Amino acid sequence: MKESVYKSYDELPLFLNADTVVKVLGIAPSSAYELMHEKDFPTLKIGNRLVVPKEKFIEWVKVHTEK
């Protein structure tokens, strides 16, 4: 697994694109695109782009790491 380039949530932009998701989670680009198309992943479609609001991303991570 790749190491995240971000050390805290405060460093994240307000909206995360696929490249940022890759860097935060330390996953492959193909995995990030798959994740961003999952039903429970909090993406917004703006034109042809998918972005993830920072606060929703943080909530998603907390929910999926509590198990």
PDB file of N, CA and C in Angstrom:
ATOM      1  N   MET A   1       0.846  -1.184   0.000  1.00  0.00           N
ATOM      2  CA  MET A   1       0.000   0.000   0.000  1.00  0.00           C
ATOM      3  C   MET A   1       0.888   1.242   0.000  1.00  0.00           C
ATOM      4  N   LYS A   2       0.488   2.213  -0.777  1.00  0.00           N
ATOM      5  CA  LYS A   2       1.222   3.473  -0.833  1.00  0.00           C
ATOM      6  C   LYS A   2       0.955   4.283   0.430  1.00  0.00           C
ATOM      7  N   GLU A   3       1.902   5.105   0.806  1.00  0.00           N
ATOM      8  CA  GLU A   3       1.735   5.956   1.978  1.00  0.00           C
ATOM      9  C   GLU A   3       1.005   7.237   1.581  1.00  0.00           C
ATOM     10  N   SER A   4       0.101   7.675   2.437  1.00  0.00           N
ATOM     11  CA  SER A   4      -0.631   8.909   2.191  1.00  0.00           C
ATOM     12  C   SER A   4       0.311  10.109   2.246  1.00  0.00           C
ATOM     13  N   VAL A   5       0.071  11.079   1.385  1.00  0.00           N
ATOM     14  CA  VAL A   5       0.878  12.303   1.398  1.00  0.00           C
ATOM     15  C   VAL A   5       0.288  13.331   2.365  1.00  0.00           C
ATOM     16  N   TYR A   6      -0.936  13.067   2.849  1.00  0.00           N
ATOM     17  CA  TYR A   6      -1.593  13.976   3.792  1.00  0.00           C
ATOM     18  C   TYR A   6      -1.421  13.434   5.204  1.00  0.00           C
ATOM     19  N   LYS A   7      -1.152  14.319   6.135  1.00  0.00           N
ATOM     20  CA  LYS A   7      -0.930  13.914   7.523  1.00  0.00           C
ATOM     21  C   LYS A   7      -2.115  14.237   8.430  1.00  0.00           C
ATOM     22  N   SER A   8      -3.037  15.103   7.972  1.00  0.00           N
ATOM     23  CA  SER A   8      -4.238  15.400   8.754  1.00  0.00           C
ATOM     24  C   SER A   8      -5.363  15.802   7.803  1.00  0.00           C
ATOM     25  N   TYR A   9      -6.580  15.715   8.318  1.00  0.00           N
ATOM     26  CA  TYR A   9      -7.737  16.114   7.517  1.00  0.00           C
ATOM     27  C   TYR A   9      -7.705  17.598   7.193  1.00  0.00           C
ATOM     28  N   ASP A  10      -7.073  18.398   8.037  1.00  0.00           N
ATOM     29  CA  ASP A  10      -7.008  19.846   7.812  1.00  0.00           C
ATOM     30  C   ASP A  10      -6.291  20.205   6.516  1.00  0.00           C
ATOM     31  N   GLU A  11      -5.409  19.336   6.051  1.00  0.00           N
ATOM     32  CA  GLU A  11      -4.639  19.597   4.831  1.00  0.00           C
ATOM     33  C   GLU A  11      -5.436  19.341   3.555  1.00  0.00           C
ATOM     34  N   LEU A  12      -6.572  18.680   3.673  1.00  0.00           N
ATOM     35  CA  LEU A  12      -7.358  18.317   2.491  1.00  0.00           C
ATOM     36  C   LEU A  12      -8.082  19.521   1.903  1.00  0.00           C
ATOM     37  N   PRO A  13      -8.266  19.516   0.579  1.00  0.00           N
ATOM     38  CA  PRO A  13      -9.077  20.575  -0.044  1.00  0.00           C
ATOM     39  C   PRO A  13     -10.555  20.368   0.289  1.00  0.00           C
ATOM     40  N   LEU A  14     -11.387  21.371   0.040  1.00  0.00           N
ATOM     41  CA  LEU A  14     -12.825  21.257   0.333  1.00  0.00           C
ATOM     42  C   LEU A  14     -13.493  20.145  -0.460  1.00  0.00           C
ATOM     43  N   PHE A  15     -13.042  19.926  -1.695  1.00  0.00           N
ATOM     44  CA  PHE A  15     -13.569  18.862  -2.534  1.00  0.00           C
ATOM     45  C   PHE A  15     -12.409  18.011  -3.031  1.00  0.00           C
ATOM     46  N   LEU A  16     -12.544  16.697  -2.907  1.00  0.00           N
ATOM     47  CA  LEU A  16     -11.497  15.777  -3.318  1.00  0.00           C
ATOM     48  C   LEU A  16     -11.842  15.207  -4.689  1.00  0.00           C
ATOM     49  N   ASN A  17     -10.877  15.189  -5.574  1.00  0.00           N
ATOM     50  CA  ASN A  17     -11.064  14.508  -6.857  1.00  0.00           C
ATOM     51  C   ASN A  17     -10.441  13.115  -6.743  1.00  0.00           C
ATOM     52  N   ALA A  18     -10.483  12.348  -7.803  1.00  0.00           N
ATOM     53  CA  ALA A  18      -9.969  10.977  -7.764  1.00  0.00           C
ATOM     54  C   ALA A  18      -8.489  10.939  -7.395  1.00  0.00           C
ATOM     55  N   ASP A  19      -7.713  11.880  -7.914  1.00  0.00           N
ATOM     56  CA  ASP A  19      -6.286  11.918  -7.617  1.00  0.00           C
ATOM     57  C   ASP A  19      -6.038  12.153  -6.128  1.00  0.00           C
ATOM     58  N   THR A  20      -6.834  13.004  -5.527  1.00  0.00           N
ATOM     59  CA  THR A  20      -6.682  13.274  -4.097  1.00  0.00           C
ATOM     60  C   THR A  20      -7.089  12.052  -3.279  1.00  0.00           C
ATOM     61  N   VAL A  21      -8.149  11.372  -3.687  1.00  0.00           N
ATOM     62  CA  VAL A  21      -8.567  10.143  -2.996  1.00  0.00           C
ATOM     63  C   VAL A  21      -7.445   9.110  -3.049  1.00  0.00           C
ATOM     64  N   VAL A  22      -6.784   9.007  -4.191  1.00  0.00           N
ATOM     65  CA  VAL A  22      -5.636   8.101  -4.339  1.00  0.00           C
ATOM     66  C   VAL A  22      -4.561   8.449  -3.318  1.00  0.00           C
ATOM     67  N   LYS A  23      -4.236   9.725  -3.217  1.00  0.00           N
ATOM     68  CA  LYS A  23      -3.168  10.165  -2.318  1.00  0.00           C
ATOM     69  C   LYS A  23      -3.539  10.014  -0.843  1.00  0.00           C
ATOM     70  N   VAL A  24      -4.800  10.271  -0.506  1.00  0.00           N
ATOM     71  CA  VAL A  24      -5.230  10.185   0.889  1.00  0.00           C
ATOM     72  C   VAL A  24      -5.296   8.740   1.362  1.00  0.00           C
ATOM     73  N   LEU A  25      -5.895   7.883   0.551  1.00  0.00           N
ATOM     74  CA  LEU A  25      -6.080   6.493   0.962  1.00  0.00           C
ATOM     75  C   LEU A  25      -4.895   5.598   0.621  1.00  0.00           C
ATOM     76  N   GLY A  26      -3.999   6.093  -0.224  1.00  0.00           N
ATOM     77  CA  GLY A  26      -2.839   5.292  -0.600  1.00  0.00           C
ATOM     78  C   GLY A  26      -3.223   4.090  -1.444  1.00  0.00           C
ATOM     79  N   ILE A  27      -4.171   4.307  -2.356  1.00  0.00           N
ATOM     80  CA  ILE A  27      -4.648   3.218  -3.214  1.00  0.00           C
ATOM     81  C   ILE A  27      -4.327   3.522  -4.673  1.00  0.00           C
ATOM     82  N   ALA A  28      -4.539   2.524  -5.510  1.00  0.00           N
ATOM     83  CA  ALA A  28      -4.294   2.681  -6.940  1.00  0.00           C
ATOM     84  C   ALA A  28      -5.384   3.552  -7.566  1.00  0.00           C
ATOM     85  N   PRO A  29      -5.057   4.264  -8.636  1.00  0.00           N
ATOM     86  CA  PRO A  29      -6.070   5.081  -9.315  1.00  0.00           C
ATOM     87  C   PRO A  29      -7.306   4.281  -9.730  1.00  0.00           C
ATOM     88  N   SER A  30      -7.121   3.075 -10.205  1.00  0.00           N
ATOM     89  CA  SER A  30      -8.274   2.264 -10.615  1.00  0.00           C
ATOM     90  C   SER A  30      -9.173   1.957  -9.421  1.00  0.00           C
ATOM     91  N   SER A  31      -8.589   1.744  -8.257  1.00  0.00           N
ATOM     92  CA  SER A  31      -9.376   1.487  -7.042  1.00  0.00           C
ATOM     93  C   SER A  31     -10.152   2.727  -6.622  1.00  0.00           C
ATOM     94  N   ALA A  32      -9.545   3.890  -6.774  1.00  0.00           N
ATOM     95  CA  ALA A  32     -10.228   5.137  -6.425  1.00  0.00           C
ATOM     96  C   ALA A  32     -11.434   5.352  -7.331  1.00  0.00           C
ATOM     97  N   TYR A  33     -11.276   5.106  -8.618  1.00  0.00           N
ATOM     98  CA  TYR A  33     -12.403   5.276  -9.543  1.00  0.00           C
ATOM     99  C   TYR A  33     -13.522   4.294  -9.229  1.00  0.00           C
ATOM    100  N   GLU A  34     -13.175   3.054  -8.895  1.00  0.00           N
ATOM    101  CA  GLU A  34     -14.196   2.074  -8.504  1.00  0.00           C
ATOM    102  C   GLU A  34     -14.923   2.545  -7.252  1.00  0.00           C
ATOM    103  N   LEU A  35     -14.168   2.989  -6.263  1.00  0.00           N
ATOM    104  CA  LEU A  35     -14.740   3.458  -5.012  1.00  0.00           C
ATOM    105  C   LEU A  35     -15.680   4.632  -5.240  1.00  0.00           C
ATOM    106  N   MET A  36     -15.283   5.551  -6.089  1.00  0.00           N
ATOM    107  CA  MET A  36     -16.099   6.737  -6.341  1.00  0.00           C
ATOM    108  C   MET A  36     -17.395   6.419  -7.086  1.00  0.00           C
ATOM    109  N   HIS A  37     -17.518   5.214  -7.607  1.00  0.00           N
ATOM    110  CA  HIS A  37     -18.753   4.798  -8.266  1.00  0.00           C
ATOM    111  C   HIS A  37     -19.606   3.885  -7.384  1.00  0.00           C
ATOM    112  N   GLU A  38     -19.157   3.625  -6.163  1.00  0.00           N
ATOM    113  CA  GLU A  38     -19.951   2.822  -5.227  1.00  0.00           C
ATOM    114  C   GLU A  38     -21.135   3.656  -4.740  1.00  0.00           C
ATOM    115  N   LYS A  39     -22.253   2.970  -4.454  1.00  0.00           N
ATOM    116  CA  LYS A  39     -23.472   3.668  -4.045  1.00  0.00           C
ATOM    117  C   LYS A  39     -23.317   4.434  -2.732  1.00  0.00           C
ATOM    118  N   ASP A  40     -22.566   3.869  -1.783  1.00  0.00           N
ATOM    119  CA  ASP A  40     -22.481   4.513  -0.470  1.00  0.00           C
ATOM    120  C   ASP A  40     -21.330   5.510  -0.348  1.00  0.00           C
ATOM    121  N   PHE A  41     -20.567   5.705  -1.415  1.00  0.00           N
ATOM    122  CA  PHE A  41     -19.472   6.670  -1.368  1.00  0.00           C
ATOM    123  C   PHE A  41     -20.024   8.047  -1.730  1.00  0.00           C
ATOM    124  N   PRO A  42     -19.726   9.074  -0.931  1.00  0.00           N
ATOM    125  CA  PRO A  42     -20.379  10.388  -1.063  1.00  0.00           C
ATOM    126  C   PRO A  42     -19.838  11.288  -2.180  1.00  0.00           C
ATOM    127  N   THR A  43     -20.127  10.934  -3.405  1.00  0.00           N
ATOM    128  CA  THR A  43     -19.644  11.748  -4.523  1.00  0.00           C
ATOM    129  C   THR A  43     -20.719  12.719  -5.011  1.00  0.00           C
ATOM    130  N   LEU A  44     -20.258  13.796  -5.586  1.00  0.00           N
ATOM    131  CA  LEU A  44     -21.115  14.749  -6.283  1.00  0.00           C
ATOM    132  C   LEU A  44     -20.672  14.763  -7.730  1.00  0.00           C
ATOM    133  N   LYS A  45     -21.630  14.789  -8.636  1.00  0.00           N
ATOM    134  CA  LYS A  45     -21.283  14.894 -10.043  1.00  0.00           C
ATOM    135  C   LYS A  45     -21.437  16.345 -10.459  1.00  0.00           C
ATOM    136  N   ILE A  46     -20.350  16.935 -10.908  1.00  0.00           N
ATOM    137  CA  ILE A  46     -20.356  18.318 -11.389  1.00  0.00           C
ATOM    138  C   ILE A  46     -19.903  18.269 -12.839  1.00  0.00           C
ATOM    139  N   GLY A  47     -20.858  18.416 -13.736  1.00  0.00           N
ATOM    140  CA  GLY A  47     -20.558  18.215 -15.159  1.00  0.00           C
ATOM    141  C   GLY A  47     -20.184  16.756 -15.359  1.00  0.00           C
ATOM    142  N   ASN A  48     -19.008  16.529 -15.898  1.00  0.00           N
ATOM    143  CA  ASN A  48     -18.518  15.162 -16.088  1.00  0.00           C
ATOM    144  C   ASN A  48     -17.598  14.702 -14.960  1.00  0.00           C
ATOM    145  N   ARG A  49     -17.354  15.577 -13.996  1.00  0.00           N
ATOM    146  CA  ARG A  49     -16.414  15.262 -12.916  1.00  0.00           C
ATOM    147  C   ARG A  49     -17.123  14.717 -11.688  1.00  0.00           C
ATOM    148  N   LEU A  50     -16.463  13.814 -10.990  1.00  0.00           N
ATOM    149  CA  LEU A  50     -16.921  13.343  -9.694  1.00  0.00           C
ATOM    150  C   LEU A  50     -16.000  13.935  -8.640  1.00  0.00           C
ATOM    151  N   VAL A  51     -16.583  14.543  -7.631  1.00  0.00           N
ATOM    152  CA  VAL A  51     -15.814  15.087  -6.523  1.00  0.00           C
ATOM    153  C   VAL A  51     -16.456  14.622  -5.217  1.00  0.00           C
ATOM    154  N   VAL A  52     -15.676  14.669  -4.149  1.00  0.00           N
ATOM    155  CA  VAL A  52     -16.146  14.238  -2.843  1.00  0.00           C
ATOM    156  C   VAL A  52     -15.984  15.401  -1.866  1.00  0.00           C
ATOM    157  N   PRO A  53     -17.087  15.840  -1.248  1.00  0.00           N
ATOM    158  CA  PRO A  53     -16.955  16.893  -0.246  1.00  0.00           C
ATOM    159  C   PRO A  53     -16.094  16.392   0.924  1.00  0.00           C
ATOM    160  N   LYS A  54     -15.190  17.223   1.371  1.00  0.00           N
ATOM    161  CA  LYS A  54     -14.249  16.867   2.429  1.00  0.00           C
ATOM    162  C   LYS A  54     -14.957  16.304   3.669  1.00  0.00           C
ATOM    163  N   GLU A  55     -15.981  16.996   4.157  1.00  0.00           N
ATOM    164  CA  GLU A  55     -16.672  16.570   5.381  1.00  0.00           C
ATOM    165  C   GLU A  55     -17.352  15.218   5.203  1.00  0.00           C
ATOM    166  N   LYS A  56     -17.951  14.980   4.038  1.00  0.00           N
ATOM    167  CA  LYS A  56     -18.600  13.694   3.771  1.00  0.00           C
ATOM    168  C   LYS A  56     -17.567  12.576   3.664  1.00  0.00           C
ATOM    169  N   PHE A  57     -16.401  12.897   3.101  1.00  0.00           N
ATOM    170  CA  PHE A  57     -15.325  11.919   3.003  1.00  0.00           C
ATOM    171  C   PHE A  57     -14.853  11.515   4.404  1.00  0.00           C
ATOM    172  N   ILE A  58     -14.668  12.493   5.274  1.00  0.00           N
ATOM    173  CA  ILE A  58     -14.236  12.208   6.647  1.00  0.00           C
ATOM    174  C   ILE A  58     -15.260  11.333   7.361  1.00  0.00           C
ATOM    175  N   GLU A  59     -16.551  11.639   7.201  1.00  0.00           N
ATOM    176  CA  GLU A  59     -17.622  10.819   7.787  1.00  0.00           C
ATOM    177  C   GLU A  59     -17.557   9.396   7.252  1.00  0.00           C
ATOM    178  N   TRP A  60     -17.379   9.258   5.935  1.00  0.00           N
ATOM    179  CA  TRP A  60     -17.322   7.937   5.304  1.00  0.00           C
ATOM    180  C   TRP A  60     -16.163   7.117   5.878  1.00  0.00           C
ATOM    181  N   VAL A  61     -15.008   7.745   6.026  1.00  0.00           N
ATOM    182  CA  VAL A  61     -13.842   7.047   6.574  1.00  0.00           C
ATOM    183  C   VAL A  61     -14.131   6.584   7.994  1.00  0.00           C
ATOM    184  N   LYS A  62     -14.727   7.451   8.822  1.00  0.00           N
ATOM    185  CA  LYS A  62     -15.038   7.084  10.209  1.00  0.00           C
ATOM    186  C   LYS A  62     -15.994   5.910  10.270  1.00  0.00           C
ATOM    187  N   VAL A  63     -17.030   5.934   9.462  1.00  0.00           N
ATOM    188  CA  VAL A  63     -18.006   4.838   9.441  1.00  0.00           C
ATOM    189  C   VAL A  63     -17.350   3.522   9.019  1.00  0.00           C
ATOM    190  N   HIS A  64     -16.476   3.599   8.037  1.00  0.00           N
ATOM    191  CA  HIS A  64     -15.873   2.374   7.499  1.00  0.00           C
ATOM    192  C   HIS A  64     -14.645   1.896   8.255  1.00  0.00           C
ATOM    193  N   THR A  65     -14.229   2.635   9.258  1.00  0.00           N
ATOM    194  CA  THR A  65     -13.103   2.175  10.075  1.00  0.00           C
ATOM    195  C   THR A  65     -13.533   1.795  11.477  1.00  0.00           C
ATOM    196  N   GLU A  66     -14.815   1.957  11.802  1.00  0.00           N
ATOM    197  CA  GLU A  66     -15.319   1.586  13.116  1.00  0.00           C
ATOM    198  C   GLU A  66     -15.544   0.082  13.257  1.00  0.00           C
ATOM    199  N   LYS A  67     -15.678  -0.610  12.173  1.00  0.00           N
ATOM    200  CA  LYS A  67     -16.012  -2.041  12.208  1.00  0.00           C
ATOM    201  C   LYS A  67     -14.862  -2.898  12.663  1.00  0.00           C
TER     202      LYS A  67
END
